[in-house]
Amino acid sequence: MDEIDVKILKLLQEDSRISYIDLSSNVGISETAVRRRVKKLQDEGIITKFTIKIDPEKLGKGVTAFVGVDVGGEMGPVAGSELLNDPAISELYTVTGDFDLLIKVTCRDVKELERVIERVRGMDFTKTTKTHVVLRKLKDAPLEP
């Protein structure tokens, strides 16, 4: 990956709908060359999808929290798979440290957050949970290529 690929990635992160013509004029190579490079970045798995970013508050989902879950070590991936279909859970990770799972919950209100936490606490494998409610997002930047 060279400097031109990095420029292409940054431009696509800013606006995934940017045209190949605009990309080519911004990076200084032909449209055909840009298309080839984007295809190669996709084939190599560097670009995994083109998407949009949604403001959850504008959709009435103004409460965000991170929930750490201790499930007893090796159960993390199994426990996580049981939570994959909950629409309030926007991100789910197995992690190191005090907890085995880290859940990002995005929901309408505290009542819905409580429902998710109680569901997690009620699962057979859950030992403890610790919830951190987000007061304000200070940074939400794309990954630097």
C-alpha atoms as a PDB file:
ATOM      1  CA  MET A   1       0.000   0.000   0.000  1.00  0.00           C
ATOM      2  CA  ASP A   2       1.503   3.302  -1.060  1.00  0.00           C
ATOM      3  CA  GLU A   3       0.765   6.984  -0.461  1.00  0.00           C
ATOM      4  CA  ILE A   4      -1.905   7.087  -3.193  1.00  0.00           C
ATOM      5  CA  ASP A   5      -3.766   4.164  -1.615  1.00  0.00           C
ATOM      6  CA  VAL A   6      -3.687   5.977   1.744  1.00  0.00           C
ATOM      7  CA  LYS A   7      -5.154   9.112   0.104  1.00  0.00           C
ATOM      8  CA  ILE A   8      -7.873   7.036  -1.528  1.00  0.00           C
ATOM      9  CA  LEU A   9      -8.751   5.418   1.802  1.00  0.00           C
ATOM     10  CA  LYS A  10      -8.931   8.776   3.589  1.00  0.00           C
ATOM     11  CA  LEU A  11     -11.186  10.238   0.905  1.00  0.00           C
ATOM     12  CA  LEU A  12     -13.483   7.209   0.998  1.00  0.00           C
ATOM     13  CA  GLN A  13     -13.659   7.421   4.799  1.00  0.00           C
ATOM     14  CA  GLU A  14     -14.793  11.033   4.512  1.00  0.00           C
ATOM     15  CA  ASP A  15     -17.406  10.204   1.868  1.00  0.00           C
ATOM     16  CA  SER A  16     -17.925   6.639   0.673  1.00  0.00           C
ATOM     17  CA  ARG A  17     -20.141   7.986  -2.145  1.00  0.00           C
ATOM     18  CA  ILE A  18     -17.351  10.013  -3.755  1.00  0.00           C
ATOM     19  CA  SER A  19     -17.154   9.281  -7.487  1.00  0.00           C
ATOM     20  CA  TYR A  20     -14.161   7.625  -9.106  1.00  0.00           C
ATOM     21  CA  ILE A  21     -13.733  10.793 -11.187  1.00  0.00           C
ATOM     22  CA  ASP A  22     -13.498  12.935  -8.045  1.00  0.00           C
ATOM     23  CA  LEU A  23     -11.154  10.424  -6.435  1.00  0.00           C
ATOM     24  CA  SER A  24      -8.888  10.479  -9.483  1.00  0.00           C
ATOM     25  CA  SER A  25      -8.704  14.280  -9.532  1.00  0.00           C
ATOM     26  CA  ASN A  26      -7.917  14.356  -5.799  1.00  0.00           C
ATOM     27  CA  VAL A  27      -5.116  11.788  -5.952  1.00  0.00           C
ATOM     28  CA  GLY A  28      -3.705  12.676  -9.363  1.00  0.00           C
ATOM     29  CA  ILE A  29      -4.155   9.427 -11.284  1.00  0.00           C
ATOM     30  CA  SER A  30      -6.628   8.263 -13.925  1.00  0.00           C
ATOM     31  CA  GLU A  31     -10.128   7.049 -13.092  1.00  0.00           C
ATOM     32  CA  THR A  32      -9.226   3.577 -14.393  1.00  0.00           C
ATOM     33  CA  ALA A  33      -6.196   3.439 -12.103  1.00  0.00           C
ATOM     34  CA  VAL A  34      -8.367   4.517  -9.132  1.00  0.00           C
ATOM     35  CA  ARG A  35     -10.908   1.783  -9.925  1.00  0.00           C
ATOM     36  CA  ARG A  36      -8.105  -0.805 -10.048  1.00  0.00           C
ATOM     37  CA  ARG A  37      -6.686   0.380  -6.735  1.00  0.00           C
ATOM     38  CA  VAL A  38     -10.075   0.387  -4.976  1.00  0.00           C
ATOM     39  CA  LYS A  39     -10.771  -3.121  -6.301  1.00  0.00           C
ATOM     40  CA  LYS A  40      -7.360  -4.282  -5.036  1.00  0.00           C
ATOM     41  CA  LEU A  41      -8.013  -2.729  -1.604  1.00  0.00           C
ATOM     42  CA  GLN A  42     -11.323  -4.629  -1.522  1.00  0.00           C
ATOM     43  CA  ASP A  43      -9.742  -7.901  -2.677  1.00  0.00           C
ATOM     44  CA  GLU A  44      -7.068  -7.591   0.028  1.00  0.00           C
ATOM     45  CA  GLY A  45      -9.744  -7.048   2.680  1.00  0.00           C
ATOM     46  CA  ILE A  46      -8.546  -3.550   3.546  1.00  0.00           C
ATOM     47  CA  ILE A  47     -11.876  -2.093   2.407  1.00  0.00           C
ATOM     48  CA  THR A  48     -14.550  -4.368   3.831  1.00  0.00           C
ATOM     49  CA  LYS A  49     -17.644  -2.343   2.881  1.00  0.00           C
ATOM     50  CA  PHE A  50     -18.919   1.062   1.837  1.00  0.00           C
ATOM     51  CA  THR A  51     -21.335   2.443   4.379  1.00  0.00           C
ATOM     52  CA  ILE A  52     -22.889   5.493   5.983  1.00  0.00           C
ATOM     53  CA  LYS A  53     -22.700   6.912   9.479  1.00  0.00           C
ATOM     54  CA  ILE A  54     -25.969   7.506  11.337  1.00  0.00           C
ATOM     55  CA  ASP A  55     -26.529   9.871  14.256  1.00  0.00           C
ATOM     56  CA  PRO A  56     -28.289   7.649  16.843  1.00  0.00           C
ATOM     57  CA  GLU A  57     -29.762  10.644  18.676  1.00  0.00           C
ATOM     58  CA  LYS A  58     -31.598  11.749  15.524  1.00  0.00           C
ATOM     59  CA  LEU A  59     -33.240   8.301  15.501  1.00  0.00           C
ATOM     60  CA  GLY A  60     -34.337   8.671  19.104  1.00  0.00           C
ATOM     61  CA  LYS A  61     -31.547   6.482  20.468  1.00  0.00           C
ATOM     62  CA  GLY A  62     -29.813   8.957  22.763  1.00  0.00           C
ATOM     63  CA  VAL A  63     -28.501   6.592  25.440  1.00  0.00           C
ATOM     64  CA  THR A  64     -25.193   4.834  24.868  1.00  0.00           C
ATOM     65  CA  ALA A  65     -23.479   2.609  27.404  1.00  0.00           C
ATOM     66  CA  PHE A  66     -20.638   0.140  27.583  1.00  0.00           C
ATOM     67  CA  VAL A  67     -21.296  -2.999  29.604  1.00  0.00           C
ATOM     68  CA  GLY A  68     -18.448  -5.206  30.775  1.00  0.00           C
ATOM     69  CA  VAL A  69     -19.478  -8.813  31.370  1.00  0.00           C
ATOM     70  CA  ASP A  70     -17.544 -11.443  33.317  1.00  0.00           C
ATOM     71  CA  VAL A  71     -18.561 -14.877  32.052  1.00  0.00           C
ATOM     72  CA  GLY A  72     -15.705 -16.964  33.399  1.00  0.00           C
ATOM     73  CA  GLY A  73     -12.987 -16.748  30.805  1.00  0.00           C
ATOM     74  CA  GLU A  74     -13.275 -19.193  27.929  1.00  0.00           C
ATOM     75  CA  MET A  75     -17.051 -18.834  27.736  1.00  0.00           C
ATOM     76  CA  GLY A  76     -16.708 -15.342  26.171  1.00  0.00           C
ATOM     77  CA  PRO A  77     -17.221 -16.285  22.515  1.00  0.00           C
ATOM     78  CA  VAL A  78     -20.070 -18.684  23.356  1.00  0.00           C
ATOM     79  CA  ALA A  79     -21.774 -16.132  25.593  1.00  0.00           C
ATOM     80  CA  GLY A  80     -21.298 -13.417  22.991  1.00  0.00           C
ATOM     81  CA  SER A  81     -23.014 -15.478  20.326  1.00  0.00           C
ATOM     82  CA  GLU A  82     -26.201 -15.488  22.428  1.00  0.00           C
ATOM     83  CA  LEU A  83     -26.285 -11.678  22.353  1.00  0.00           C
ATOM     84  CA  LEU A  84     -25.748 -11.130  18.631  1.00  0.00           C
ATOM     85  CA  ASN A  85     -29.412 -10.671  17.733  1.00  0.00           C
ATOM     86  CA  ASP A  86     -30.323  -7.992  20.288  1.00  0.00           C
ATOM     87  CA  PRO A  87     -30.955  -4.803  18.249  1.00  0.00           C
ATOM     88  CA  ALA A  88     -29.916  -2.570  21.172  1.00  0.00           C
ATOM     89  CA  ILE A  89     -26.439  -4.141  21.147  1.00  0.00           C
ATOM     90  CA  SER A  90     -24.558  -2.285  18.440  1.00  0.00           C
ATOM     91  CA  GLU A  91     -21.074  -3.686  19.135  1.00  0.00           C
ATOM     92  CA  LEU A  92     -19.875  -6.789  20.952  1.00  0.00           C
ATOM     93  CA  TYR A  93     -16.283  -7.777  21.704  1.00  0.00           C
ATOM     94  CA  THR A  94     -14.373 -10.459  23.550  1.00  0.00           C
ATOM     95  CA  VAL A  95     -11.705  -8.628  25.553  1.00  0.00           C
ATOM     96  CA  THR A  96      -8.861  -9.037  27.999  1.00  0.00           C
ATOM     97  CA  GLY A  97      -8.865  -7.573  31.500  1.00  0.00           C
ATOM     98  CA  ASP A  98     -11.512  -7.577  34.196  1.00  0.00           C
ATOM     99  CA  PHE A  99     -14.258  -8.722  31.826  1.00  0.00           C
ATOM    100  CA  ASP A 100     -14.625 -11.285  29.061  1.00  0.00           C
ATOM    101  CA  LEU A 101     -17.136  -9.358  26.943  1.00  0.00           C
ATOM    102  CA  LEU A 102     -17.564  -5.672  26.228  1.00  0.00           C
ATOM    103  CA  ILE A 103     -20.957  -4.652  24.901  1.00  0.00           C
ATOM    104  CA  LYS A 104     -21.875  -1.307  23.362  1.00  0.00           C
ATOM    105  CA  VAL A 105     -25.551  -0.631  23.886  1.00  0.00           C
ATOM    106  CA  THR A 106     -27.345   2.104  21.936  1.00  0.00           C
ATOM    107  CA  CYS A 107     -30.960   2.587  22.966  1.00  0.00           C
ATOM    108  CA  ARG A 108     -33.874   5.005  23.344  1.00  0.00           C
ATOM    109  CA  ASP A 109     -33.811   5.460  27.086  1.00  0.00           C
ATOM    110  CA  VAL A 110     -32.584   4.161  30.432  1.00  0.00           C
ATOM    111  CA  LYS A 111     -35.528   1.773  30.644  1.00  0.00           C
ATOM    112  CA  GLU A 112     -34.386   0.015  27.472  1.00  0.00           C
ATOM    113  CA  LEU A 113     -30.787  -0.010  28.752  1.00  0.00           C
ATOM    114  CA  GLU A 114     -32.009  -1.626  31.954  1.00  0.00           C
ATOM    115  CA  ARG A 115     -33.819  -4.305  29.899  1.00  0.00           C
ATOM    116  CA  VAL A 116     -30.596  -5.178  28.067  1.00  0.00           C
ATOM    117  CA  ILE A 117     -28.539  -5.264  31.278  1.00  0.00           C
ATOM    118  CA  GLU A 118     -31.114  -7.455  33.035  1.00  0.00           C
ATOM    119  CA  ARG A 119     -31.184  -9.818  30.062  1.00  0.00           C
ATOM    120  CA  VAL A 120     -27.391 -10.123  30.179  1.00  0.00           C
ATOM    121  CA  ARG A 121     -27.394 -10.573  33.963  1.00  0.00           C
ATOM    122  CA  GLY A 122     -30.056 -13.275  33.665  1.00  0.00           C
ATOM    123  CA  MET A 123     -27.992 -15.471  31.356  1.00  0.00           C
ATOM    124  CA  ASP A 124     -26.600 -18.634  32.955  1.00  0.00           C
ATOM    125  CA  PHE A 125     -22.988 -17.798  32.198  1.00  0.00           C
ATOM    126  CA  THR A 126     -22.976 -14.204  33.555  1.00  0.00           C
ATOM    127  CA  LYS A 127     -21.035 -13.766  36.782  1.00  0.00           C
ATOM    128  CA  THR A 128     -20.919  -9.959  37.007  1.00  0.00           C
ATOM    129  CA  THR A 129     -21.549  -6.886  34.896  1.00  0.00           C
ATOM    130  CA  LYS A 130     -20.356  -3.297  35.104  1.00  0.00           C
ATOM    131  CA  THR A 131     -22.076  -0.565  33.128  1.00  0.00           C
ATOM    132  CA  HIS A 132     -20.658   2.779  32.029  1.00  0.00           C
ATOM    133  CA  VAL A 133     -23.191   5.225  30.585  1.00  0.00           C
ATOM    134  CA  VAL A 134     -21.730   7.647  28.029  1.00  0.00           C
ATOM    135  CA  LEU A 135     -22.308  11.273  28.974  1.00  0.00           C
ATOM    136  CA  ARG A 136     -20.737  12.799  25.883  1.00  0.00           C
ATOM    137  CA  LYS A 137     -18.726  11.500  22.929  1.00  0.00           C
ATOM    138  CA  LEU A 138     -15.443  13.393  22.723  1.00  0.00           C
ATOM    139  CA  LYS A 139     -13.977  11.710  19.655  1.00  0.00           C
ATOM    140  CA  ASP A 140     -15.292   9.536  16.877  1.00  0.00           C
ATOM    141  CA  ALA A 141     -12.651   9.506  14.176  1.00  0.00           C
ATOM    142  CA  PRO A 142     -12.093   7.034  11.357  1.00  0.00           C
ATOM    143  CA  LEU A 143      -9.109   4.706  11.535  1.00  0.00           C
ATOM    144  CA  GLU A 144      -5.962   6.358  10.222  1.00  0.00           C
ATOM    145  CA  PRO A 145      -4.704   4.295   7.262  1.00  0.00           C
END
